[in-house]
């Protein structure tokens, strides 16, 4: 992790980090920002922390293309979404958008990059 915590990951995460997962980094947040800036109609869906994984966010574009990254805490991605002027949703309340599932069906032949869960390799 970088010396400075640009996105407030450590500040909002709290003292506990999942033992089975790696911590969120600035690079994770920067990847979500790059995805959002490179596509139209992006919305963020926050996934809660579990025993095995840190809090994550899924960015879904208008056509259903998506990527998932660790964010450390919901407040981190909320600030990013606010700065970018994009909507953010709690996936437990609204679920995943249909266009995301449709994109997965249309792109079954694409391989998933094992280093970045949810990110399709082009």
Protein backbone atom coordinates (compact mmCIF):
# COMPACT_ATOMS: atom_id res chain seq x y z
CA UNK A 1 0.00 0.00 0.00
CA UNK A 2 1.21 3.50 -0.67
CA UNK A 3 2.43 5.70 2.15
CA UNK A 4 -0.55 8.03 1.81
CA UNK A 5 -4.08 6.67 1.95
CA UNK A 6 -5.58 8.72 -0.89
CA UNK A 7 -9.07 7.27 -0.66
CA UNK A 8 -9.39 6.85 3.12
CA UNK A 9 -9.38 3.05 2.98
CA UNK A 10 -7.55 2.59 6.29
CA UNK A 11 -9.52 5.35 7.98
CA UNK A 12 -12.93 3.83 7.20
CA UNK A 13 -12.00 0.15 7.32
CA UNK A 14 -11.61 -0.02 11.08
CA UNK A 15 -9.23 -2.29 12.95
CA UNK A 16 -10.53 -5.59 11.57
CA UNK A 17 -9.51 -6.95 8.17
CA UNK A 18 -10.67 -10.31 6.85
CA UNK A 19 -8.08 -12.98 7.50
CA UNK A 20 -8.68 -14.81 4.22
CA UNK A 21 -8.52 -11.85 1.86
CA UNK A 22 -5.99 -9.18 1.02
CA UNK A 23 -6.65 -5.57 1.94
CA UNK A 24 -8.06 -3.04 -0.49
CA UNK A 25 -5.46 -0.76 -2.04
CA UNK A 26 -5.44 2.54 -3.88
CA UNK A 27 -4.95 0.53 -7.09
CA UNK A 28 -8.33 -1.15 -6.52
CA UNK A 29 -10.07 2.21 -6.23
CA UNK A 30 -8.17 3.61 -9.20
CA UNK A 31 -9.29 0.61 -11.30
CA UNK A 32 -12.94 1.34 -10.46
CA UNK A 33 -12.45 5.01 -11.33
CA UNK A 34 -10.79 4.13 -14.65
CA UNK A 35 -13.62 1.72 -15.47
CA UNK A 36 -16.23 4.39 -14.66
CA UNK A 37 -14.49 7.08 -16.70
CA UNK A 38 -14.02 4.77 -19.68
CA UNK A 39 -17.66 3.72 -19.99
CA UNK A 40 -21.11 5.26 -20.10
CA UNK A 41 -23.91 4.83 -17.58
CA UNK A 42 -21.81 3.30 -14.80
CA UNK A 43 -23.46 2.50 -11.46
CA UNK A 44 -21.77 1.16 -8.33
CA UNK A 45 -23.17 -1.73 -6.29
CA UNK A 46 -21.66 -2.21 -2.82
CA UNK A 47 -21.23 -5.77 -1.57
CA UNK A 48 -20.86 -6.20 2.21
CA UNK A 49 -17.82 -7.58 3.95
CA UNK A 50 -18.02 -11.30 4.61
CA UNK A 51 -15.93 -13.68 6.67
CA UNK A 52 -13.81 -14.43 3.61
CA UNK A 53 -13.70 -11.11 1.72
CA UNK A 54 -13.36 -7.41 2.36
CA UNK A 55 -16.11 -4.98 1.31
CA UNK A 56 -16.26 -4.88 -2.50
CA UNK A 57 -17.93 -2.75 -5.13
CA UNK A 58 -19.15 -3.80 -8.54
CA UNK A 59 -19.12 -1.15 -11.27
CA UNK A 60 -21.68 -1.91 -13.99
CA UNK A 61 -21.76 0.00 -17.29
CA UNK A 62 -24.88 0.73 -19.37
CA UNK A 63 -24.29 -2.36 -21.54
CA UNK A 64 -23.81 -4.66 -18.54
CA UNK A 65 -20.02 -4.91 -18.64
CA UNK A 66 -18.77 -5.00 -15.08
CA UNK A 67 -15.80 -5.22 -12.77
CA UNK A 68 -15.45 -5.94 -9.05
CA UNK A 69 -12.80 -4.56 -6.71
CA UNK A 70 -12.14 -4.41 -2.99
CA UNK A 71 -12.93 -1.03 -1.46
CA UNK A 72 -12.29 -1.54 2.27
CA UNK A 73 -15.47 0.19 3.45
CA UNK A 74 -18.74 1.45 1.95
CA UNK A 75 -17.77 5.05 2.79
CA UNK A 76 -14.79 4.82 0.43
CA UNK A 77 -16.82 3.91 -2.66
CA UNK A 78 -19.56 6.35 -1.60
CA UNK A 79 -17.01 9.18 -1.74
CA UNK A 80 -15.73 8.00 -5.14
CA UNK A 81 -19.28 7.79 -6.51
CA UNK A 82 -20.08 11.26 -5.15
CA UNK A 83 -16.89 12.71 -6.69
CA UNK A 84 -17.72 11.12 -10.06
CA UNK A 85 -21.42 12.00 -9.86
CA UNK A 86 -22.47 8.36 -10.22
CA UNK A 87 -25.23 6.44 -8.43
CA UNK A 88 -24.39 3.90 -5.75
CA UNK A 89 -26.61 1.10 -4.45
CA UNK A 90 -26.51 -1.49 -1.69
CA UNK A 91 -26.64 -4.84 -3.48
CA UNK A 92 -28.48 -6.38 -0.52
CA UNK A 93 -31.35 -3.95 -1.05
CA UNK A 94 -31.59 -3.72 -4.84
CA UNK A 95 -29.77 -6.79 -6.18
CA UNK A 96 -27.69 -6.87 -9.34
CA UNK A 97 -29.00 -5.29 -12.55
CA UNK A 98 -30.41 -7.56 -15.26
CA UNK A 99 -28.08 -6.05 -17.82
CA UNK A 100 -25.14 -7.49 -15.88
CA UNK A 101 -26.52 -11.02 -16.16
CA UNK A 102 -27.36 -10.44 -19.82
CA UNK A 103 -23.78 -9.30 -20.47
CA UNK A 104 -22.47 -12.45 -18.78
CA UNK A 105 -24.69 -14.59 -21.02
CA UNK A 106 -23.60 -12.76 -24.18
CA UNK A 107 -19.93 -13.02 -23.25
CA UNK A 108 -19.59 -16.57 -21.99
CA UNK A 109 -16.59 -17.10 -24.25
CA UNK A 110 -14.56 -14.38 -22.49
CA UNK A 111 -12.18 -15.60 -19.84
CA UNK A 112 -12.03 -14.12 -16.37
CA UNK A 113 -8.67 -12.73 -15.33
CA UNK A 114 -7.84 -14.66 -12.13
CA UNK A 115 -6.05 -11.65 -10.66
CA UNK A 116 -9.13 -9.43 -10.90
CA UNK A 117 -12.37 -11.20 -9.98
CA UNK A 118 -15.24 -10.15 -12.20
CA UNK A 119 -13.09 -8.29 -14.71
CA UNK A 120 -13.31 -9.73 -18.18
CA UNK A 121 -10.18 -9.91 -20.27
CA UNK A 122 -10.53 -8.32 -23.69
